[in-house]
Amino acid sequence: TGAGWRTCRRDTIRDVAISAPAGPRYPDPVDPPTLDALLALIR
């Protein structure tokens, strides 16, 4: 939202299977900078 994460949908699932690269191919998720933090950079 520019200030945090808003839940759009939530449900329960079963029989989950996950496949992902073994190596550090992708960066860890990090929250985007907030609008307040971005405004501080241009002021």
PDB file of all heavy atoms in Angstrom:
ATOM      1  N   THR A   1       0.800  -1.225   0.000  1.00  0.00           N
ATOM      2  CA  THR A   1       0.000   0.000   0.000  1.00  0.00           C
ATOM      3  C   THR A   1       0.829   1.268   0.000  1.00  0.00           C
ATOM      4  O   THR A   1       0.287   2.363  -0.145  1.00  0.00           O
ATOM      5  CB  THR A   1      -0.918   0.029   1.234  1.00  0.00           C
ATOM      6  OG1 THR A   1      -0.097   0.152   2.424  1.00  0.00           O
ATOM      7  CG2 THR A   1      -1.776  -1.224   1.333  1.00  0.00           C
ATOM      8  N   GLY A   2       2.139   1.130   0.171  1.00  0.00           N
ATOM      9  CA  GLY A   2       2.993   2.299   0.345  1.00  0.00           C
ATOM     10  C   GLY A   2       3.362   2.512   1.793  1.00  0.00           C
ATOM     11  O   GLY A   2       4.282   3.264   2.115  1.00  0.00           O
ATOM     12  N   ALA A   3       2.626   1.850   2.697  1.00  0.00           N
ATOM     13  CA  ALA A   3       2.930   1.931   4.121  1.00  0.00           C
ATOM     14  C   ALA A   3       3.073   0.541   4.744  1.00  0.00           C
ATOM     15  O   ALA A   3       3.633   0.397   5.824  1.00  0.00           O
ATOM     16  CB  ALA A   3       1.842   2.707   4.859  1.00  0.00           C
ATOM     17  N   GLY A   4       2.565  -0.475   4.071  1.00  0.00           N
ATOM     18  CA  GLY A   4       2.622  -1.838   4.588  1.00  0.00           C
ATOM     19  C   GLY A   4       1.889  -2.782   3.649  1.00  0.00           C
ATOM     20  O   GLY A   4       1.429  -2.398   2.572  1.00  0.00           O
ATOM     21  N   TRP A   5       1.781  -4.044   4.071  1.00  0.00           N
ATOM     22  CA  TRP A   5       1.123  -5.057   3.252  1.00  0.00           C
ATOM     23  C   TRP A   5      -0.343  -5.192   3.636  1.00  0.00           C
ATOM     24  O   TRP A   5      -0.683  -5.266   4.814  1.00  0.00           O
ATOM     25  CB  TRP A   5       1.823  -6.410   3.415  1.00  0.00           C
ATOM     26  CG  TRP A   5       3.209  -6.429   2.852  1.00  0.00           C
ATOM     27  CD1 TRP A   5       4.380  -6.347   3.552  1.00  0.00           C
ATOM     28  CD2 TRP A   5       3.568  -6.538   1.470  1.00  0.00           C
ATOM     29  NE1 TRP A   5       5.447  -6.392   2.695  1.00  0.00           N
ATOM     30  CE2 TRP A   5       4.990  -6.516   1.411  1.00  0.00           C
ATOM     31  CE3 TRP A   5       2.847  -6.653   0.281  1.00  0.00           C
ATOM     32  CZ2 TRP A   5       5.689  -6.603   0.225  1.00  0.00           C
ATOM     33  CZ3 TRP A   5       3.555  -6.746  -0.916  1.00  0.00           C
ATOM     34  CH2 TRP A   5       4.945  -6.726  -0.932  1.00  0.00           C
ATOM     35  N   ARG A   6      -1.203  -5.256   2.632  1.00  0.00           N
ATOM     36  CA  ARG A   6      -2.642  -5.428   2.846  1.00  0.00           C
ATOM     37  C   ARG A   6      -3.052  -6.794   2.295  1.00  0.00           C
ATOM     38  O   ARG A   6      -2.730  -7.149   1.159  1.00  0.00           O
ATOM     39  CB  ARG A   6      -3.418  -4.324   2.117  1.00  0.00           C
ATOM     40  CG  ARG A   6      -4.937  -4.477   2.168  1.00  0.00           C
ATOM     41  CD  ARG A   6      -5.603  -3.301   1.465  1.00  0.00           C
ATOM     42  NE  ARG A   6      -5.321  -3.286   0.035  1.00  0.00           N
ATOM     43  CZ  ARG A   6      -6.042  -3.941  -0.879  1.00  0.00           C
ATOM     44  NH1 ARG A   6      -7.068  -4.689  -0.498  1.00  0.00           N
ATOM     45  NH2 ARG A   6      -5.727  -3.858  -2.161  1.00  0.00           N
ATOM     46  N   THR A   7      -3.747  -7.578   3.116  1.00  0.00           N
ATOM     47  CA  THR A   7      -4.199  -8.898   2.689  1.00  0.00           C
ATOM     48  C   THR A   7      -5.388  -8.749   1.742  1.00  0.00           C
ATOM     49  O   THR A   7      -6.410  -8.159   2.093  1.00  0.00           O
ATOM     50  CB  THR A   7      -4.593  -9.759   3.898  1.00  0.00           C
ATOM     51  OG1 THR A   7      -3.453  -9.928   4.752  1.00  0.00           O
ATOM     52  CG2 THR A   7      -5.079 -11.127   3.452  1.00  0.00           C
ATOM     53  N   CYS A   8      -5.240  -9.282   0.537  1.00  0.00           N
ATOM     54  CA  CYS A   8      -6.312  -9.228  -0.462  1.00  0.00           C
ATOM     55  C   CYS A   8      -7.145 -10.505  -0.464  1.00  0.00           C
ATOM     56  O   CYS A   8      -8.335 -10.480  -0.787  1.00  0.00           O
ATOM     57  CB  CYS A   8      -5.728  -9.015  -1.856  1.00  0.00           C
ATOM     58  SG  CYS A   8      -4.731  -7.531  -2.043  1.00  0.00           S
ATOM     59  N   ARG A   9      -6.509 -11.613  -0.101  1.00  0.00           N
ATOM     60  CA  ARG A   9      -7.206 -12.894  -0.139  1.00  0.00           C
ATOM     61  C   ARG A   9      -6.554 -13.843   0.838  1.00  0.00           C
ATOM     62  O   ARG A   9      -5.335 -13.811   1.029  1.00  0.00           O
ATOM     63  CB  ARG A   9      -7.169 -13.473  -1.561  1.00  0.00           C
ATOM     64  CG  ARG A   9      -7.858 -14.821  -1.711  1.00  0.00           C
ATOM     65  CD  ARG A   9      -7.724 -15.328  -3.141  1.00  0.00           C
ATOM     66  NE  ARG A   9      -8.319 -16.648  -3.299  1.00  0.00           N
ATOM     67  CZ  ARG A   9      -8.263 -17.374  -4.399  1.00  0.00           C
ATOM     68  NH1 ARG A   9      -7.637 -16.885  -5.461  1.00  0.00           N
ATOM     69  NH2 ARG A   9      -8.814 -18.568  -4.474  1.00  0.00           N
ATOM     70  N   ARG A  10      -7.375 -14.676   1.457  1.00  0.00           N
ATOM     71  CA  ARG A  10      -6.862 -15.674   2.405  1.00  0.00           C
ATOM     72  C   ARG A  10      -7.725 -16.934   2.293  1.00  0.00           C
ATOM     73  O   ARG A  10      -8.958 -16.848   2.279  1.00  0.00           O
ATOM     74  CB  ARG A  10      -6.921 -15.118   3.830  1.00  0.00           C
ATOM     75  CG  ARG A  10      -6.412 -16.081   4.904  1.00  0.00           C
ATOM     76  CD  ARG A  10      -6.828 -15.609   6.285  1.00  0.00           C
ATOM     77  NE  ARG A  10      -6.331 -14.293   6.575  1.00  0.00           N
ATOM     78  CZ  ARG A  10      -5.219 -14.047   7.260  1.00  0.00           C
ATOM     79  NH1 ARG A  10      -4.496 -15.061   7.711  1.00  0.00           N
ATOM     80  NH2 ARG A  10      -4.834 -12.815   7.496  1.00  0.00           N
ATOM     81  N   ASP A  11      -7.078 -18.103   2.208  1.00  0.00           N
ATOM     82  CA  ASP A  11      -7.828 -19.350   2.197  1.00  0.00           C
ATOM     83  C   ASP A  11      -6.940 -20.475   2.705  1.00  0.00           C
ATOM     84  O   ASP A  11      -5.746 -20.285   2.951  1.00  0.00           O
ATOM     85  CB  ASP A  11      -8.397 -19.668   0.815  1.00  0.00           C
ATOM     86  CG  ASP A  11      -7.312 -19.741  -0.258  1.00  0.00           C
ATOM     87  OD1 ASP A  11      -6.119 -19.666   0.092  1.00  0.00           O
ATOM     88  OD2 ASP A  11      -7.661 -19.860  -1.443  1.00  0.00           O
ATOM     89  N   THR A  12      -7.509 -21.657   2.887  1.00  0.00           N
ATOM     90  CA  THR A  12      -6.791 -22.826   3.382  1.00  0.00           C
ATOM     91  C   THR A  12      -6.594 -23.809   2.244  1.00  0.00           C
ATOM     92  O   THR A  12      -7.531 -24.085   1.470  1.00  0.00           O
ATOM     93  CB  THR A  12      -7.573 -23.497   4.520  1.00  0.00           C
ATOM     94  OG1 THR A  12      -7.731 -22.565   5.598  1.00  0.00           O
ATOM     95  CG2 THR A  12      -6.831 -24.725   5.028  1.00  0.00           C
ATOM     96  N   ILE A  13      -5.371 -24.305   2.096  1.00  0.00           N
ATOM     97  CA  ILE A  13      -5.057 -25.255   1.031  1.00  0.00           C
ATOM     98  C   ILE A  13      -4.395 -26.490   1.637  1.00  0.00           C
ATOM     99  O   ILE A  13      -3.873 -26.460   2.754  1.00  0.00           O
ATOM    100  CB  ILE A  13      -4.134 -24.627  -0.031  1.00  0.00           C
ATOM    101  CG1 ILE A  13      -2.838 -24.105   0.620  1.00  0.00           C
ATOM    102  CG2 ILE A  13      -4.847 -23.485  -0.748  1.00  0.00           C
ATOM    103  CD1 ILE A  13      -1.844 -23.540  -0.380  1.00  0.00           C
ATOM    104  N   ARG A  14      -4.429 -27.611   0.879  1.00  0.00           N
ATOM    105  CA  ARG A  14      -3.834 -28.866   1.337  1.00  0.00           C
ATOM    106  C   ARG A  14      -2.969 -29.461   0.232  1.00  0.00           C
ATOM    107  O   ARG A  14      -2.974 -28.998  -0.906  1.00  0.00           O
ATOM    108  CB  ARG A  14      -4.931 -29.856   1.752  1.00  0.00           C
ATOM    109  CG  ARG A  14      -5.780 -29.373   2.927  1.00  0.00           C
ATOM    110  CD  ARG A  14      -6.862 -30.375   3.292  1.00  0.00           C
ATOM    111  NE  ARG A  14      -7.672 -29.892   4.399  1.00  0.00           N
ATOM    112  CZ  ARG A  14      -7.356 -30.041   5.680  1.00  0.00           C
ATOM    113  NH1 ARG A  14      -6.228 -30.683   6.008  1.00  0.00           N
ATOM    114  NH2 ARG A  14      -8.135 -29.574   6.628  1.00  0.00           N
ATOM    115  N   ASP A  15      -2.252 -30.508   0.584  1.00  0.00           N
ATOM    116  CA  ASP A  15      -1.404 -31.236  -0.368  1.00  0.00           C
ATOM    117  C   ASP A  15      -0.427 -30.300  -1.082  1.00  0.00           C
ATOM    118  O   ASP A  15      -0.325 -30.276  -2.312  1.00  0.00           O
ATOM    119  CB  ASP A  15      -2.269 -31.972  -1.397  1.00  0.00           C
ATOM    120  CG  ASP A  15      -3.207 -32.979  -0.750  1.00  0.00           C
ATOM    121  OD1 ASP A  15      -2.798 -33.581   0.257  1.00  0.00           O
ATOM    122  OD2 ASP A  15      -4.346 -33.138  -1.235  1.00  0.00           O
ATOM    123  N   VAL A  16       0.299 -29.512  -0.294  1.00  0.00           N
ATOM    124  CA  VAL A  16       1.245 -28.546  -0.852  1.00  0.00           C
ATOM    125  C   VAL A  16       2.554 -29.232  -1.224  1.00  0.00           C
ATOM    126  O   VAL A  16       3.104 -30.020  -0.445  1.00  0.00           O
ATOM    127  CB  VAL A  16       1.507 -27.401   0.150  1.00  0.00           C
ATOM    128  CG1 VAL A  16       2.605 -26.482  -0.361  1.00  0.00           C
ATOM    129  CG2 VAL A  16       0.224 -26.617   0.401  1.00  0.00           C
ATOM    130  N   ALA A  17       3.031 -28.962  -2.418  1.00  0.00           N
ATOM    131  CA  ALA A  17       4.348 -29.431  -2.857  1.00  0.00           C
ATOM    132  C   ALA A  17       5.124 -28.227  -3.360  1.00  0.00           C
ATOM    133  O   ALA A  17       4.590 -27.381  -4.075  1.00  0.00           O
ATOM    134  CB  ALA A  17       4.208 -30.482  -3.952  1.00  0.00           C
ATOM    135  N   ILE A  18       6.396 -28.121  -2.970  1.00  0.00           N
ATOM    136  CA  ILE A  18       7.202 -26.942  -3.296  1.00  0.00           C
ATOM    137  C   ILE A  18       8.508 -27.378  -3.942  1.00  0.00           C
ATOM    138  O   ILE A  18       9.201 -28.272  -3.445  1.00  0.00           O
ATOM    139  CB  ILE A  18       7.499 -26.105  -2.040  1.00  0.00           C
ATOM    140  CG1 ILE A  18       6.187 -25.606  -1.420  1.00  0.00           C
ATOM    141  CG2 ILE A  18       8.406 -24.915  -2.378  1.00  0.00           C
ATOM    142  CD1 ILE A  18       6.380 -24.905  -0.095  1.00  0.00           C
ATOM    143  N   SER A  19       8.858 -26.734  -5.059  1.00  0.00           N
ATOM    144  CA  SER A  19      10.145 -26.945  -5.709  1.00  0.00           C
ATOM    145  C   SER A  19      10.810 -25.595  -5.886  1.00  0.00           C
ATOM    146  O   SER A  19      10.186 -24.647  -6.352  1.00  0.00           O
ATOM    147  CB  SER A  19       9.954 -27.619  -7.078  1.00  0.00           C
ATOM    148  OG  SER A  19      11.195 -27.743  -7.749  1.00  0.00           O
ATOM    149  N   ALA A  20      12.080 -25.479  -5.486  1.00  0.00           N
ATOM    150  CA  ALA A  20      12.803 -24.207  -5.577  1.00  0.00           C
ATOM    151  C   ALA A  20      14.270 -24.497  -5.846  1.00  0.00           C
ATOM    152  O   ALA A  20      14.765 -25.580  -5.517  1.00  0.00           O
ATOM    153  CB  ALA A  20      12.642 -23.406  -4.283  1.00  0.00           C
ATOM    154  N   PRO A  21      14.996 -23.538  -6.466  1.00  0.00           N
ATOM    155  CA  PRO A  21      16.432 -23.748  -6.713  1.00  0.00           C
ATOM    156  C   PRO A  21      17.177 -24.003  -5.420  1.00  0.00           C
ATOM    157  O   PRO A  21      16.887 -23.387  -4.381  1.00  0.00           O
ATOM    158  CB  PRO A  21      16.871 -22.430  -7.360  1.00  0.00           C
ATOM    159  CG  PRO A  21      15.611 -21.843  -7.913  1.00  0.00           C
ATOM    160  CD  PRO A  21      14.515 -22.260  -6.984  1.00  0.00           C
ATOM    161  N   ALA A  22      18.131 -24.916  -5.462  1.00  0.00           N
ATOM    162  CA  ALA A  22      18.889 -25.240  -4.257  1.00  0.00           C
ATOM    163  C   ALA A  22      19.850 -24.126  -3.879  1.00  0.00           C
ATOM    164  O   ALA A  22      20.097 -23.873  -2.708  1.00  0.00           O
ATOM    165  CB  ALA A  22      19.657 -26.543  -4.464  1.00  0.00           C
ATOM    166  N   GLY A  23      20.397 -23.433  -4.878  1.00  0.00           N
ATOM    167  CA  GLY A  23      21.355 -22.364  -4.611  1.00  0.00           C
ATOM    168  C   GLY A  23      20.680 -21.031  -4.372  1.00  0.00           C
ATOM    169  O   GLY A  23      19.482 -20.872  -4.614  1.00  0.00           O
ATOM    170  N   PRO A  24      21.444 -20.026  -3.905  1.00  0.00           N
ATOM    171  CA  PRO A  24      20.895 -18.676  -3.645  1.00  0.00           C
ATOM    172  C   PRO A  24      20.689 -17.906  -4.945  1.00  0.00           C
ATOM    173  O   PRO A  24      21.334 -16.889  -5.196  1.00  0.00           O
ATOM    174  CB  PRO A  24      21.951 -18.027  -2.758  1.00  0.00           C
ATOM    175  CG  PRO A  24      23.238 -18.686  -3.179  1.00  0.00           C
ATOM    176  CD  PRO A  24      22.871 -20.110  -3.539  1.00  0.00           C
ATOM    177  N   ARG A  25      19.765 -18.410  -5.796  1.00  0.00           N
ATOM    178  CA  ARG A  25      19.572 -17.793  -7.107  1.00  0.00           C
ATOM    179  C   ARG A  25      18.771 -16.503  -7.002  1.00  0.00           C
ATOM    180  O   ARG A  25      18.971 -15.564  -7.776  1.00  0.00           O
ATOM    181  CB  ARG A  25      18.859 -18.786  -8.021  1.00  0.00           C
ATOM    182  CG  ARG A  25      18.570 -18.259  -9.421  1.00  0.00           C
ATOM    183  CD  ARG A  25      17.914 -19.345 -10.268  1.00  0.00           C
ATOM    184  NE  ARG A  25      17.542 -18.846 -11.578  1.00  0.00           N
ATOM    185  CZ  ARG A  25      16.893 -19.559 -12.492  1.00  0.00           C
ATOM    186  NH1 ARG A  25      16.564 -20.813 -12.218  1.00  0.00           N
ATOM    187  NH2 ARG A  25      16.579 -19.040 -13.658  1.00  0.00           N
ATOM    188  N   TYR A  26      17.843 -16.446  -6.049  1.00  0.00           N
ATOM    189  CA  TYR A  26      16.978 -15.282  -5.909  1.00  0.00           C
ATOM    190  C   TYR A  26      17.219 -14.617  -4.554  1.00  0.00           C
ATOM    191  O   TYR A  26      17.517 -15.286  -3.568  1.00  0.00           O
ATOM    192  CB  TYR A  26      15.509 -15.684  -6.034  1.00  0.00           C
ATOM    193  CG  TYR A  26      15.168 -16.311  -7.361  1.00  0.00           C
ATOM    194  CD1 TYR A  26      15.047 -17.690  -7.493  1.00  0.00           C
ATOM    195  CD2 TYR A  26      14.991 -15.519  -8.493  1.00  0.00           C
ATOM    196  CE1 TYR A  26      14.751 -18.269  -8.724  1.00  0.00           C
ATOM    197  CE2 TYR A  26      14.688 -16.086  -9.723  1.00  0.00           C
ATOM    198  CZ  TYR A  26      14.571 -17.461  -9.836  1.00  0.00           C
ATOM    199  OH  TYR A  26      14.283 -18.019 -11.049  1.00  0.00           O
ATOM    200  N   PRO A  27      17.091 -13.288  -4.478  1.00  0.00           N
ATOM    201  CA  PRO A  27      17.297 -12.599  -3.193  1.00  0.00           C
ATOM    202  C   PRO A  27      16.144 -12.872  -2.237  1.00  0.00           C
ATOM    203  O   PRO A  27      15.049 -13.266  -2.639  1.00  0.00           O
ATOM    204  CB  PRO A  27      17.337 -11.114  -3.597  1.00  0.00           C
ATOM    205  CG  PRO A  27      16.516 -11.042  -4.847  1.00  0.00           C
ATOM    206  CD  PRO A  27      16.775 -12.341  -5.580  1.00  0.00           C
ATOM    207  N   ASP A  28      16.400 -12.663  -0.958  1.00  0.00           N
ATOM    208  CA  ASP A  28      15.346 -12.790   0.043  1.00  0.00           C
ATOM    209  C   ASP A  28      14.349 -11.650  -0.112  1.00  0.00           C
ATOM    210  O   ASP A  28      14.736 -10.519  -0.447  1.00  0.00           O
ATOM    211  CB  ASP A  28      15.935 -12.750   1.458  1.00  0.00           C
ATOM    212  CG  ASP A  28      16.807 -13.968   1.750  1.00  0.00           C
ATOM    213  OD1 ASP A  28      16.563 -15.029   1.131  1.00  0.00           O
ATOM    214  OD2 ASP A  28      17.725 -13.854   2.584  1.00  0.00           O
ATOM    215  N   PRO A  29      13.053 -11.915   0.110  1.00  0.00           N
ATOM    216  CA  PRO A  29      12.062 -10.838   0.008  1.00  0.00           C
ATOM    217  C   PRO A  29      12.331  -9.737   1.033  1.00  0.00           C
ATOM    218  O   PRO A  29      12.631 -10.011   2.199  1.00  0.00           O
ATOM    219  CB  PRO A  29      10.732 -11.551   0.306  1.00  0.00           C
ATOM    220  CG  PRO A  29      10.999 -12.999   0.049  1.00  0.00           C
ATOM    221  CD  PRO A  29      12.439 -13.213   0.413  1.00  0.00           C
ATOM    222  N   VAL A  30      12.240  -8.500   0.585  1.00  0.00           N
ATOM    223  CA  VAL A  30      12.407  -7.331   1.449  1.00  0.00           C
ATOM    224  C   VAL A  30      11.287  -6.349   1.134  1.00  0.00           C
ATOM    225  O   VAL A  30      10.950  -6.130  -0.031  1.00  0.00           O
ATOM    226  CB  VAL A  30      13.776  -6.642   1.221  1.00  0.00           C
ATOM    227  CG1 VAL A  30      13.876  -5.368   2.044  1.00  0.00           C
ATOM    228  CG2 VAL A  30      14.911  -7.590   1.580  1.00  0.00           C
ATOM    229  N   ASP A  31      10.688  -5.765   2.173  1.00  0.00           N
ATOM    230  CA  ASP A  31       9.623  -4.800   1.940  1.00  0.00           C
ATOM    231  C   ASP A  31      10.132  -3.630   1.109  1.00  0.00           C
ATOM    232  O   ASP A  31      11.243  -3.132   1.332  1.00  0.00           O
ATOM    233  CB  ASP A  31       9.089  -4.254   3.264  1.00  0.00           C
ATOM    234  CG  ASP A  31       8.239  -5.274   4.004  1.00  0.00           C
ATOM    235  OD1 ASP A  31       7.991  -6.361   3.436  1.00  0.00           O
ATOM    236  OD2 ASP A  31       7.823  -4.982   5.147  1.00  0.00           O
ATOM    237  N   PRO A  32       9.338  -3.147   0.152  1.00  0.00           N
ATOM    238  CA  PRO A  32       9.726  -1.937  -0.585  1.00  0.00           C
ATOM    239  C   PRO A  32       9.802  -0.754   0.382  1.00  0.00           C
ATOM    240  O   PRO A  32       9.197  -0.779   1.452  1.00  0.00           O
ATOM    241  CB  PRO A  32       8.578  -1.750  -1.589  1.00  0.00           C
ATOM    242  CG  PRO A  32       7.892  -3.079  -1.659  1.00  0.00           C
ATOM    243  CD  PRO A  32       8.053  -3.696  -0.316  1.00  0.00           C
ATOM    244  N   PRO A  33      10.535   0.303   0.029  1.00  0.00           N
ATOM    245  CA  PRO A  33      10.557   1.492   0.891  1.00  0.00           C
ATOM    246  C   PRO A  33       9.161   2.110   0.973  1.00  0.00           C
ATOM    247  O   PRO A  33       8.412   2.110  -0.009  1.00  0.00           O
ATOM    248  CB  PRO A  33      11.545   2.430   0.187  1.00  0.00           C
ATOM    249  CG  PRO A  33      11.639   1.920  -1.223  1.00  0.00           C
ATOM    250  CD  PRO A  33      11.388   0.458  -1.162  1.00  0.00           C
ATOM    251  N   THR A  34       8.802   2.603   2.134  1.00  0.00           N
ATOM    252  CA  THR A  34       7.494   3.234   2.307  1.00  0.00           C
ATOM    253  C   THR A  34       7.455   4.575   1.592  1.00  0.00           C
ATOM    254  O   THR A  34       8.495   5.151   1.255  1.00  0.00           O
ATOM    255  CB  THR A  34       7.181   3.443   3.788  1.00  0.00           C
ATOM    256  OG1 THR A  34       8.138   4.377   4.344  1.00  0.00           O
ATOM    257  CG2 THR A  34       7.253   2.139   4.570  1.00  0.00           C
ATOM    258  N   LEU A  35       6.241   5.080   1.375  1.00  0.00           N
ATOM    259  CA  LEU A  35       6.113   6.402   0.762  1.00  0.00           C
ATOM    260  C   LEU A  35       6.778   7.469   1.620  1.00  0.00           C
ATOM    261  O   LEU A  35       7.406   8.396   1.093  1.00  0.00           O
ATOM    262  CB  LEU A  35       4.632   6.737   0.564  1.00  0.00           C
ATOM    263  CG  LEU A  35       3.917   5.949  -0.545  1.00  0.00           C
ATOM    264  CD1 LEU A  35       2.430   6.251  -0.539  1.00  0.00           C
ATOM    265  CD2 LEU A  35       4.517   6.269  -1.914  1.00  0.00           C
ATOM    266  N   ASP A  36       6.669   7.351   2.941  1.00  0.00           N
ATOM    267  CA  ASP A  36       7.313   8.329   3.831  1.00  0.00           C
ATOM    268  C   ASP A  36       8.824   8.321   3.640  1.00  0.00           C
ATOM    269  O   ASP A  36       9.466   9.386   3.614  1.00  0.00           O
ATOM    270  CB  ASP A  36       6.972   8.019   5.295  1.00  0.00           C
ATOM    271  CG  ASP A  36       5.560   8.445   5.660  1.00  0.00           C
ATOM    272  OD1 ASP A  36       4.966   9.256   4.919  1.00  0.00           O
ATOM    273  OD2 ASP A  36       5.040   7.961   6.679  1.00  0.00           O
ATOM    274  N   ALA A  37       9.413   7.120   3.521  1.00  0.00           N
ATOM    275  CA  ALA A  37      10.870   7.035   3.341  1.00  0.00           C
ATOM    276  C   ALA A  37      11.289   7.626   1.995  1.00  0.00           C
ATOM    277  O   ALA A  37      12.311   8.312   1.898  1.00  0.00           O
ATOM    278  CB  ALA A  37      11.323   5.578   3.435  1.00  0.00           C
ATOM    279  N   LEU A  38      10.479   7.402   0.955  1.00  0.00           N
ATOM    280  CA  LEU A  38      10.796   7.957  -0.358  1.00  0.00           C
ATOM    281  C   LEU A  38      10.653   9.475  -0.370  1.00  0.00           C
ATOM    282  O   LEU A  38      11.475  10.187  -0.966  1.00  0.00           O
ATOM    283  CB  LEU A  38       9.881   7.338  -1.421  1.00  0.00           C
ATOM    284  CG  LEU A  38      10.105   5.844  -1.700  1.00  0.00           C
ATOM    285  CD1 LEU A  38       9.027   5.311  -2.623  1.00  0.00           C
ATOM    286  CD2 LEU A  38      11.487   5.612  -2.299  1.00  0.00           C
ATOM    287  N   LEU A  39       9.621   9.986   0.304  1.00  0.00           N
ATOM    288  CA  LEU A  39       9.436  11.440   0.354  1.00  0.00           C
ATOM    289  C   LEU A  39      10.606  12.112   1.078  1.00  0.00           C
ATOM    290  O   LEU A  39      11.018  13.217   0.710  1.00  0.00           O
ATOM    291  CB  LEU A  39       8.122  11.780   1.062  1.00  0.00           C
ATOM    292  CG  LEU A  39       6.837  11.431   0.300  1.00  0.00           C
ATOM    293  CD1 LEU A  39       5.611  11.732   1.158  1.00  0.00           C
ATOM    294  CD2 LEU A  39       6.762  12.197  -1.015  1.00  0.00           C
ATOM    295  N   ALA A  40      11.141  11.433   2.099  1.00  0.00           N
ATOM    296  CA  ALA A  40      12.280  12.007   2.834  1.00  0.00           C
ATOM    297  C   ALA A  40      13.494  12.171   1.926  1.00  0.00           C
ATOM    298  O   ALA A  40      14.317  13.073   2.134  1.00  0.00           O
ATOM    299  CB  ALA A  40      12.631  11.121   4.029  1.00  0.00           C
ATOM    300  N   LEU A  41      13.599  11.320   0.895  1.00  0.00           N
ATOM    301  CA  LEU A  41      14.755  11.392  -0.003  1.00  0.00           C
ATOM    302  C   LEU A  41      14.663  12.553  -0.984  1.00  0.00           C
ATOM    303  O   LEU A  41      15.688  13.035  -1.474  1.00  0.00           O
ATOM    304  CB  LEU A  41      14.894  10.083  -0.782  1.00  0.00           C
ATOM    305  CG  LEU A  41      15.242   8.840   0.033  1.00  0.00           C
ATOM    306  CD1 LEU A  41      15.289   7.616  -0.856  1.00  0.00           C
ATOM    307  CD2 LEU A  41      16.567   9.015   0.766  1.00  0.00           C
ATOM    308  N   ILE A  42      13.448  13.017  -1.303  1.00  0.00           N
ATOM    309  CA  ILE A  42      13.334  14.101  -2.291  1.00  0.00           C
ATOM    310  C   ILE A  42      13.160  15.468  -1.632  1.00  0.00           C
ATOM    311  O   ILE A  42      13.379  16.494  -2.275  1.00  0.00           O
ATOM    312  CB  ILE A  42      12.186  13.837  -3.285  1.00  0.00           C
ATOM    313  CG1 ILE A  42      10.810  13.979  -2.608  1.00  0.00           C
ATOM    314  CG2 ILE A  42      12.316  12.478  -3.919  1.00  0.00           C
ATOM    315  CD1 ILE A  42       9.646  13.953  -3.575  1.00  0.00           C
ATOM    316  N   ARG A  43      12.748  15.486  -0.373  1.00  0.00           N
ATOM    317  CA  ARG A  43      12.561  16.781   0.299  1.00  0.00           C
ATOM    318  C   ARG A  43      13.905  17.489   0.462  1.00  0.00           C
ATOM    319  O   ARG A  43      14.917  16.874   0.772  1.00  0.00           O
ATOM    320  CB  ARG A  43      11.906  16.602   1.665  1.00  0.00           C
ATOM    321  CG  ARG A  43      10.460  16.109   1.606  1.00  0.00           C
ATOM    322  CD  ARG A  43       9.835  16.103   2.985  1.00  0.00           C
ATOM    323  NE  ARG A  43       8.526  15.479   3.015  1.00  0.00           N
ATOM    324  CZ  ARG A  43       7.394  16.095   2.710  1.00  0.00           C
ATOM    325  NH1 ARG A  43       7.436  17.363   2.337  1.00  0.00           N
ATOM    326  NH2 ARG A  43       6.243  15.456   2.766  1.00  0.00           N
TER     327      ARG A  43
END
